[in-house]
Amino acid sequence: MSNVRPETETPFVPFVDPRLEVMLDAFAVFWGVAERAGAMSAIEYEGLVDEVRAAHQAPLYTNYLVRLPTLVAAVGTRARD
């Protein structure tokens, strides 16, 4: 017997939230994948990051939200086999 159930969460954070700066740094680790796939060159990526960092500091974006990736988890307990 088990009571395992799926749970999902789609977090939203304000665009000016300081945690988004950390996310930009994390995305920098993965931009090479996009470049190798031909989706974005290093120059395009750096330009995009510069624009986002500048906008992140602009008061105009105070009321904007960013939707983060949906998180899915199996929560609960199950009997051992």
PDB file of N, CA and C in Angstrom:
ATOM      1  N   MET A   1       0.849  -1.178   0.000  1.00  0.00           N
ATOM      2  CA  MET A   1       0.000   0.000   0.000  1.00  0.00           C
ATOM      3  C   MET A   1       0.896   1.244   0.000  1.00  0.00           C
ATOM      4  N   SER A   2       0.484   2.248  -0.708  1.00  0.00           N
ATOM      5  CA  SER A   2       1.268   3.477  -0.731  1.00  0.00           C
ATOM      6  C   SER A   2       0.346   4.688  -0.799  1.00  0.00           C
ATOM      7  N   ASN A   3       0.882   5.811  -0.437  1.00  0.00           N
ATOM      8  CA  ASN A   3       0.137   7.060  -0.574  1.00  0.00           C
ATOM      9  C   ASN A   3       0.980   8.062  -1.374  1.00  0.00           C
ATOM     10  N   VAL A   4       1.723   7.551  -2.352  1.00  0.00           N
ATOM     11  CA  VAL A   4       2.554   8.402  -3.193  1.00  0.00           C
ATOM     12  C   VAL A   4       1.660   9.136  -4.175  1.00  0.00           C
ATOM     13  N   ARG A   5       1.909  10.422  -4.316  1.00  0.00           N
ATOM     14  CA  ARG A   5       1.105  11.240  -5.227  1.00  0.00           C
ATOM     15  C   ARG A   5       2.027  12.246  -5.919  1.00  0.00           C
ATOM     16  N   PRO A   6       1.682  12.615  -7.119  1.00  0.00           N
ATOM     17  CA  PRO A   6       2.493  13.641  -7.778  1.00  0.00           C
ATOM     18  C   PRO A   6       2.098  15.029  -7.289  1.00  0.00           C
ATOM     19  N   GLU A   7       3.073  15.889  -7.180  1.00  0.00           N
ATOM     20  CA  GLU A   7       2.819  17.294  -6.858  1.00  0.00           C
ATOM     21  C   GLU A   7       3.603  18.138  -7.844  1.00  0.00           C
ATOM     22  N   THR A   8       3.000  19.232  -8.255  1.00  0.00           N
ATOM     23  CA  THR A   8       3.684  20.149  -9.159  1.00  0.00           C
ATOM     24  C   THR A   8       3.620  21.556  -8.584  1.00  0.00           C
ATOM     25  N   GLU A   9       4.595  22.321  -8.956  1.00  0.00           N
ATOM     26  CA  GLU A   9       4.618  23.726  -8.550  1.00  0.00           C
ATOM     27  C   GLU A   9       5.236  24.528  -9.685  1.00  0.00           C
ATOM     28  N   THR A  10       4.599  25.618 -10.017  1.00  0.00           N
ATOM     29  CA  THR A  10       5.144  26.530 -11.005  1.00  0.00           C
ATOM     30  C   THR A  10       5.427  27.845 -10.291  1.00  0.00           C
ATOM     31  N   PRO A  11       6.681  28.045  -9.908  1.00  0.00           N
ATOM     32  CA  PRO A  11       7.003  29.260  -9.171  1.00  0.00           C
ATOM     33  C   PRO A  11       7.081  30.496 -10.068  1.00  0.00           C
ATOM     34  N   PHE A  12       6.658  31.576  -9.523  1.00  0.00           N
ATOM     35  CA  PHE A  12       6.787  32.890 -10.156  1.00  0.00           C
ATOM     36  C   PHE A  12       7.551  33.778  -9.188  1.00  0.00           C
ATOM     37  N   VAL A  13       8.494  34.554  -9.688  1.00  0.00           N
ATOM     38  CA  VAL A  13       9.218  35.493  -8.843  1.00  0.00           C
ATOM     39  C   VAL A  13       9.212  36.859  -9.517  1.00  0.00           C
ATOM     40  N   PRO A  14       9.285  37.919  -8.732  1.00  0.00           N
ATOM     41  CA  PRO A  14       9.363  39.251  -9.337  1.00  0.00           C
ATOM     42  C   PRO A  14      10.625  39.365 -10.198  1.00  0.00           C
ATOM     43  N   PHE A  15      10.512  40.051 -11.307  1.00  0.00           N
ATOM     44  CA  PHE A  15      11.632  40.207 -12.230  1.00  0.00           C
ATOM     45  C   PHE A  15      12.838  40.846 -11.547  1.00  0.00           C
ATOM     46  N   VAL A  16      12.600  41.680 -10.565  1.00  0.00           N
ATOM     47  CA  VAL A  16      13.701  42.368  -9.881  1.00  0.00           C
ATOM     48  C   VAL A  16      14.239  41.576  -8.684  1.00  0.00           C
ATOM     49  N   ASP A  17      13.768  40.358  -8.485  1.00  0.00           N
ATOM     50  CA  ASP A  17      14.237  39.515  -7.392  1.00  0.00           C
ATOM     51  C   ASP A  17      15.734  39.216  -7.568  1.00  0.00           C
ATOM     52  N   PRO A  18      16.533  39.397  -6.527  1.00  0.00           N
ATOM     53  CA  PRO A  18      17.978  39.158  -6.635  1.00  0.00           C
ATOM     54  C   PRO A  18      18.329  37.731  -7.054  1.00  0.00           C
ATOM     55  N   ARG A  19      17.446  36.775  -6.793  1.00  0.00           N
ATOM     56  CA  ARG A  19      17.726  35.382  -7.174  1.00  0.00           C
ATOM     57  C   ARG A  19      17.833  35.210  -8.681  1.00  0.00           C
ATOM     58  N   LEU A  20      17.230  36.113  -9.442  1.00  0.00           N
ATOM     59  CA  LEU A  20      17.332  36.007 -10.893  1.00  0.00           C
ATOM     60  C   LEU A  20      18.751  36.270 -11.376  1.00  0.00           C
ATOM     61  N   GLU A  21      19.507  37.071 -10.656  1.00  0.00           N
ATOM     62  CA  GLU A  21      20.915  37.285 -10.997  1.00  0.00           C
ATOM     63  C   GLU A  21      21.673  35.959 -10.893  1.00  0.00           C
ATOM     64  N   VAL A  22      21.373  35.188  -9.878  1.00  0.00           N
ATOM     65  CA  VAL A  22      22.015  33.888  -9.697  1.00  0.00           C
ATOM     66  C   VAL A  22      21.635  32.961 -10.844  1.00  0.00           C
ATOM     67  N   MET A  23      20.377  33.021 -11.266  1.00  0.00           N
ATOM     68  CA  MET A  23      19.943  32.186 -12.380  1.00  0.00           C
ATOM     69  C   MET A  23      20.678  32.550 -13.663  1.00  0.00           C
ATOM     70  N   LEU A  24      20.901  33.832 -13.901  1.00  0.00           N
ATOM     71  CA  LEU A  24      21.652  34.233 -15.088  1.00  0.00           C
ATOM     72  C   LEU A  24      23.049  33.627 -15.054  1.00  0.00           C
ATOM     73  N   ASP A  25      23.654  33.623 -13.897  1.00  0.00           N
ATOM     74  CA  ASP A  25      24.974  33.019 -13.766  1.00  0.00           C
ATOM     75  C   ASP A  25      24.912  31.517 -14.040  1.00  0.00           C
ATOM     76  N   ALA A  26      23.855  30.866 -13.573  1.00  0.00           N
ATOM     77  CA  ALA A  26      23.706  29.428 -13.817  1.00  0.00           C
ATOM     78  C   ALA A  26      23.500  29.146 -15.301  1.00  0.00           C
ATOM     79  N   PHE A  27      22.716  29.983 -15.973  1.00  0.00           N
ATOM     80  CA  PHE A  27      22.491  29.783 -17.406  1.00  0.00           C
ATOM     81  C   PHE A  27      23.784  29.921 -18.188  1.00  0.00           C
ATOM     82  N   ALA A  28      24.708  30.710 -17.679  1.00  0.00           N
ATOM     83  CA  ALA A  28      25.990  30.902 -18.356  1.00  0.00           C
ATOM     84  C   ALA A  28      26.722  29.572 -18.491  1.00  0.00           C
ATOM     85  N   VAL A  29      26.514  28.681 -17.545  1.00  0.00           N
ATOM     86  CA  VAL A  29      27.146  27.373 -17.595  1.00  0.00           C
ATOM     87  C   VAL A  29      26.633  26.580 -18.796  1.00  0.00           C
ATOM     88  N   PHE A  30      25.372  26.779 -19.141  1.00  0.00           N
ATOM     89  CA  PHE A  30      24.739  25.970 -20.180  1.00  0.00           C
ATOM     90  C   PHE A  30      24.685  26.623 -21.557  1.00  0.00           C
ATOM     91  N   TRP A  31      25.135  27.857 -21.685  1.00  0.00           N
ATOM     92  CA  TRP A  31      24.996  28.511 -22.969  1.00  0.00           C
ATOM     93  C   TRP A  31      25.783  27.785 -24.048  1.00  0.00           C
ATOM     94  N   GLY A  32      26.855  27.076 -23.678  1.00  0.00           N
ATOM     95  CA  GLY A  32      27.650  26.325 -24.643  1.00  0.00           C
ATOM     96  C   GLY A  32      26.828  25.280 -25.375  1.00  0.00           C
ATOM     97  N   VAL A  33      25.860  24.701 -24.700  1.00  0.00           N
ATOM     98  CA  VAL A  33      24.979  23.717 -25.337  1.00  0.00           C
ATOM     99  C   VAL A  33      24.190  24.390 -26.455  1.00  0.00           C
ATOM    100  N   ALA A  34      23.663  25.580 -26.180  1.00  0.00           N
ATOM    101  CA  ALA A  34      22.901  26.306 -27.196  1.00  0.00           C
ATOM    102  C   ALA A  34      23.791  26.692 -28.370  1.00  0.00           C
ATOM    103  N   GLU A  35      25.020  27.064 -28.065  1.00  0.00           N
ATOM    104  CA  GLU A  35      25.936  27.447 -29.138  1.00  0.00           C
ATOM    105  C   GLU A  35      26.277  26.238 -30.013  1.00  0.00           C
ATOM    106  N   ARG A  36      26.560  25.113 -29.381  1.00  0.00           N
ATOM    107  CA  ARG A  36      26.889  23.900 -30.162  1.00  0.00           C
ATOM    108  C   ARG A  36      25.708  23.441 -31.007  1.00  0.00           C
ATOM    109  N   ALA A  37      24.498  23.679 -30.509  1.00  0.00           N
ATOM    110  CA  ALA A  37      23.301  23.298 -31.264  1.00  0.00           C
ATOM    111  C   ALA A  37      22.977  24.311 -32.361  1.00  0.00           C
ATOM    112  N   GLY A  38      23.727  25.404 -32.396  1.00  0.00           N
ATOM    113  CA  GLY A  38      23.485  26.424 -33.415  1.00  0.00           C
ATOM    114  C   GLY A  38      22.337  27.359 -33.080  1.00  0.00           C
ATOM    115  N   ALA A  39      21.862  27.318 -31.828  1.00  0.00           N
ATOM    116  CA  ALA A  39      20.723  28.151 -31.439  1.00  0.00           C
ATOM    117  C   ALA A  39      21.120  29.576 -31.096  1.00  0.00           C
ATOM    118  N   MET A  40      22.349  29.755 -30.580  1.00  0.00           N
ATOM    119  CA  MET A  40      22.756  31.088 -30.152  1.00  0.00           C
ATOM    120  C   MET A  40      24.277  31.156 -30.071  1.00  0.00           C
ATOM    121  N   SER A  41      24.834  32.186 -30.642  1.00  0.00           N
ATOM    122  CA  SER A  41      26.285  32.360 -30.568  1.00  0.00           C
ATOM    123  C   SER A  41      26.663  32.987 -29.231  1.00  0.00           C
ATOM    124  N   ALA A  42      27.931  32.937 -28.902  1.00  0.00           N
ATOM    125  CA  ALA A  42      28.419  33.532 -27.653  1.00  0.00           C
ATOM    126  C   ALA A  42      28.142  35.023 -27.622  1.00  0.00           C
ATOM    127  N   ILE A  43      28.316  35.677 -28.755  1.00  0.00           N
ATOM    128  CA  ILE A  43      28.071  37.129 -28.823  1.00  0.00           C
ATOM    129  C   ILE A  43      26.596  37.436 -28.585  1.00  0.00           C
ATOM    130  N   GLU A  44      25.707  36.642 -29.195  1.00  0.00           N
ATOM    131  CA  GLU A  44      24.266  36.842 -28.983  1.00  0.00           C
ATOM    132  C   GLU A  44      23.900  36.602 -27.520  1.00  0.00           C
ATOM    133  N   TYR A  45      24.483  35.558 -26.930  1.00  0.00           N
ATOM    134  CA  TYR A  45      24.188  35.243 -25.537  1.00  0.00           C
ATOM    135  C   TYR A  45      24.627  36.377 -24.617  1.00  0.00           C
ATOM    136  N   GLU A  46      25.848  36.847 -24.798  1.00  0.00           N
ATOM    137  CA  GLU A  46      26.351  37.929 -23.952  1.00  0.00           C
ATOM    138  C   GLU A  46      25.489  39.184 -24.098  1.00  0.00           C
ATOM    139  N   GLY A  47      25.055  39.482 -25.319  1.00  0.00           N
ATOM    140  CA  GLY A  47      24.177  40.634 -25.537  1.00  0.00           C
ATOM    141  C   GLY A  47      22.853  40.476 -24.806  1.00  0.00           C
ATOM    142  N   LEU A  48      22.297  39.272 -24.879  1.00  0.00           N
ATOM    143  CA  LEU A  48      21.030  39.002 -24.192  1.00  0.00           C
ATOM    144  C   LEU A  48      21.187  39.148 -22.686  1.00  0.00           C
ATOM    145  N   VAL A  49      22.247  38.587 -22.131  1.00  0.00           N
ATOM    146  CA  VAL A  49      22.479  38.678 -20.683  1.00  0.00           C
ATOM    147  C   VAL A  49      22.663  40.135 -20.273  1.00  0.00           C
ATOM    148  N   ASP A  50      23.396  40.904 -21.063  1.00  0.00           N
ATOM    149  CA  ASP A  50      23.582  42.323 -20.744  1.00  0.00           C
ATOM    150  C   ASP A  50      22.250  43.060 -20.710  1.00  0.00           C
ATOM    151  N   GLU A  51      21.382  42.768 -21.682  1.00  0.00           N
ATOM    152  CA  GLU A  51      20.058  43.410 -21.721  1.00  0.00           C
ATOM    153  C   GLU A  51      19.219  43.023 -20.511  1.00  0.00           C
ATOM    154  N   VAL A  52      19.236  41.737 -20.169  1.00  0.00           N
ATOM    155  CA  VAL A  52      18.437  41.265 -19.027  1.00  0.00           C
ATOM    156  C   VAL A  52      18.965  41.861 -17.728  1.00  0.00           C
ATOM    157  N   ARG A  53      20.288  41.919 -17.565  1.00  0.00           N
ATOM    158  CA  ARG A  53      20.857  42.509 -16.344  1.00  0.00           C
ATOM    159  C   ARG A  53      20.484  43.996 -16.230  1.00  0.00           C
ATOM    160  N   ALA A  54      20.509  44.708 -17.332  1.00  0.00           N
ATOM    161  CA  ALA A  54      20.136  46.127 -17.313  1.00  0.00           C
ATOM    162  C   ALA A  54      18.653  46.282 -16.966  1.00  0.00           C
ATOM    163  N   ALA A  55      17.812  45.460 -17.573  1.00  0.00           N
ATOM    164  CA  ALA A  55      16.376  45.534 -17.296  1.00  0.00           C
ATOM    165  C   ALA A  55      16.082  45.133 -15.851  1.00  0.00           C
ATOM    166  N   HIS A  56      16.867  44.192 -15.347  1.00  0.00           N
ATOM    167  CA  HIS A  56      16.673  43.726 -13.974  1.00  0.00           C
ATOM    168  C   HIS A  56      16.821  44.876 -12.978  1.00  0.00           C
ATOM    169  N   GLN A  57      17.588  45.875 -13.306  1.00  0.00           N
ATOM    170  CA  GLN A  57      17.808  47.026 -12.428  1.00  0.00           C
ATOM    171  C   GLN A  57      16.812  48.162 -12.679  1.00  0.00           C
ATOM    172  N   ALA A  58      16.012  48.079 -13.737  1.00  0.00           N
ATOM    173  CA  ALA A  58      15.115  49.169 -14.109  1.00  0.00           C
ATOM    174  C   ALA A  58      13.823  49.129 -13.287  1.00  0.00           C
ATOM    175  N   PRO A  59      13.431  50.243 -12.682  1.00  0.00           N
ATOM    176  CA  PRO A  59      12.201  50.286 -11.881  1.00  0.00           C
ATOM    177  C   PRO A  59      10.947  49.941 -12.685  1.00  0.00           C
ATOM    178  N   LEU A  60      10.999  50.117 -13.982  1.00  0.00           N
ATOM    179  CA  LEU A  60       9.858  49.806 -14.849  1.00  0.00           C
ATOM    180  C   LEU A  60       9.400  48.354 -14.686  1.00  0.00           C
ATOM    181  N   TYR A  61      10.334  47.460 -14.355  1.00  0.00           N
ATOM    182  CA  TYR A  61      10.016  46.034 -14.294  1.00  0.00           C
ATOM    183  C   TYR A  61       9.628  45.548 -12.898  1.00  0.00           C
ATOM    184  N   THR A  62       9.447  46.441 -11.961  1.00  0.00           N
ATOM    185  CA  THR A  62       9.125  46.061 -10.586  1.00  0.00           C
ATOM    186  C   THR A  62       7.892  45.176 -10.502  1.00  0.00           C
ATOM    187  N   ASN A  63       6.884  45.410 -11.332  1.00  0.00           N
ATOM    188  CA  ASN A  63       5.636  44.660 -11.254  1.00  0.00           C
ATOM    189  C   ASN A  63       5.586  43.446 -12.175  1.00  0.00           C
ATOM    190  N   TYR A  64       6.675  43.135 -12.865  1.00  0.00           N
ATOM    191  CA  TYR A  64       6.700  41.991 -13.769  1.00  0.00           C
ATOM    192  C   TYR A  64       7.107  40.734 -13.014  1.00  0.00           C
ATOM    193  N   LEU A  65       6.552  39.609 -13.447  1.00  0.00           N
ATOM    194  CA  LEU A  65       6.892  38.320 -12.859  1.00  0.00           C
ATOM    195  C   LEU A  65       7.602  37.455 -13.894  1.00  0.00           C
ATOM    196  N   VAL A  66       8.452  36.575 -13.405  1.00  0.00           N
ATOM    197  CA  VAL A  66       9.124  35.596 -14.249  1.00  0.00           C
ATOM    198  C   VAL A  66       8.615  34.221 -13.836  1.00  0.00           C
ATOM    199  N   ARG A  67       8.177  33.452 -14.823  1.00  0.00           N
ATOM    200  CA  ARG A  67       7.721  32.087 -14.546  1.00  0.00           C
ATOM    201  C   ARG A  67       8.925  31.164 -14.646  1.00  0.00           C
ATOM    202  N   LEU A  68       9.215  30.489 -13.550  1.00  0.00           N
ATOM    203  CA  LEU A  68      10.317  29.546 -13.527  1.00  0.00           C
ATOM    204  C   LEU A  68       9.825  28.180 -14.002  1.00  0.00           C
ATOM    205  N   PRO A  69      10.729  27.272 -14.330  1.00  0.00           N
ATOM    206  CA  PRO A  69      10.294  25.945 -14.796  1.00  0.00           C
ATOM    207  C   PRO A  69       9.424  25.240 -13.756  1.00  0.00           C
ATOM    208  N   THR A  70       8.452  24.499 -14.248  1.00  0.00           N
ATOM    209  CA  THR A  70       7.567  23.728 -13.377  1.00  0.00           C
ATOM    210  C   THR A  70       8.357  22.600 -12.727  1.00  0.00           C
ATOM    211  N   LEU A  71       8.150  22.450 -11.426  1.00  0.00           N
ATOM    212  CA  LEU A  71       8.805  21.398 -10.667  1.00  0.00           C
ATOM    213  C   LEU A  71       7.801  20.268 -10.444  1.00  0.00           C
ATOM    214  N   VAL A  72       8.232  19.033 -10.625  1.00  0.00           N
ATOM    215  CA  VAL A  72       7.369  17.871 -10.427  1.00  0.00           C
ATOM    216  C   VAL A  72       8.064  16.938  -9.451  1.00  0.00           C
ATOM    217  N   ALA A  73       7.302  16.431  -8.479  1.00  0.00           N
ATOM    218  CA  ALA A  73       7.874  15.526  -7.489  1.00  0.00           C
ATOM    219  C   ALA A  73       6.865  14.445  -7.124  1.00  0.00           C
ATOM    220  N   ALA A  74       7.366  13.287  -6.729  1.00  0.00           N
ATOM    221  CA  ALA A  74       6.533  12.227  -6.157  1.00  0.00           C
ATOM    222  C   ALA A  74       6.676  12.361  -4.647  1.00  0.00           C
ATOM    223  N   VAL A  75       5.546  12.542  -3.965  1.00  0.00           N
ATOM    224  CA  VAL A  75       5.558  12.818  -2.530  1.00  0.00           C
ATOM    225  C   VAL A  75       4.730  11.755  -1.809  1.00  0.00           C
ATOM    226  N   GLY A  76       5.246  11.295  -0.674  1.00  0.00           N
ATOM    227  CA  GLY A  76       4.506  10.350   0.140  1.00  0.00           C
ATOM    228  C   GLY A  76       5.366   9.185   0.557  1.00  0.00           C
ATOM    229  N   THR A  77       4.725   8.105   0.931  1.00  0.00           N
ATOM    230  CA  THR A  77       5.427   6.896   1.357  1.00  0.00           C
ATOM    231  C   THR A  77       4.830   5.706   0.623  1.00  0.00           C
ATOM    232  N   ARG A  78       5.648   4.655   0.530  1.00  0.00           N
ATOM    233  CA  ARG A  78       5.132   3.419  -0.052  1.00  0.00           C
ATOM    234  C   ARG A  78       5.679   2.267   0.757  1.00  0.00           C
ATOM    235  N   ALA A  79       4.955   1.182   0.747  1.00  0.00           N
ATOM    236  CA  ALA A  79       5.377  -0.012   1.494  1.00  0.00           C
ATOM    237  C   ALA A  79       6.602  -0.608   0.816  1.00  0.00           C
ATOM    238  N   ARG A  80       7.491  -1.175   1.627  1.00  0.00           N
ATOM    239  CA  ARG A  80       8.664  -1.877   1.078  1.00  0.00           C
ATOM    240  C   ARG A  80       8.229  -3.178   0.457  1.00  0.00           C
ATOM    241  N   ASP A  81       8.908  -3.546  -0.603  1.00  0.00           N
ATOM    242  CA  ASP A  81       8.580  -4.822  -1.272  1.00  0.00           C
ATOM    243  C   ASP A  81       9.159  -6.001  -0.532  1.00  0.00           C
TER     244      ASP A  81
END
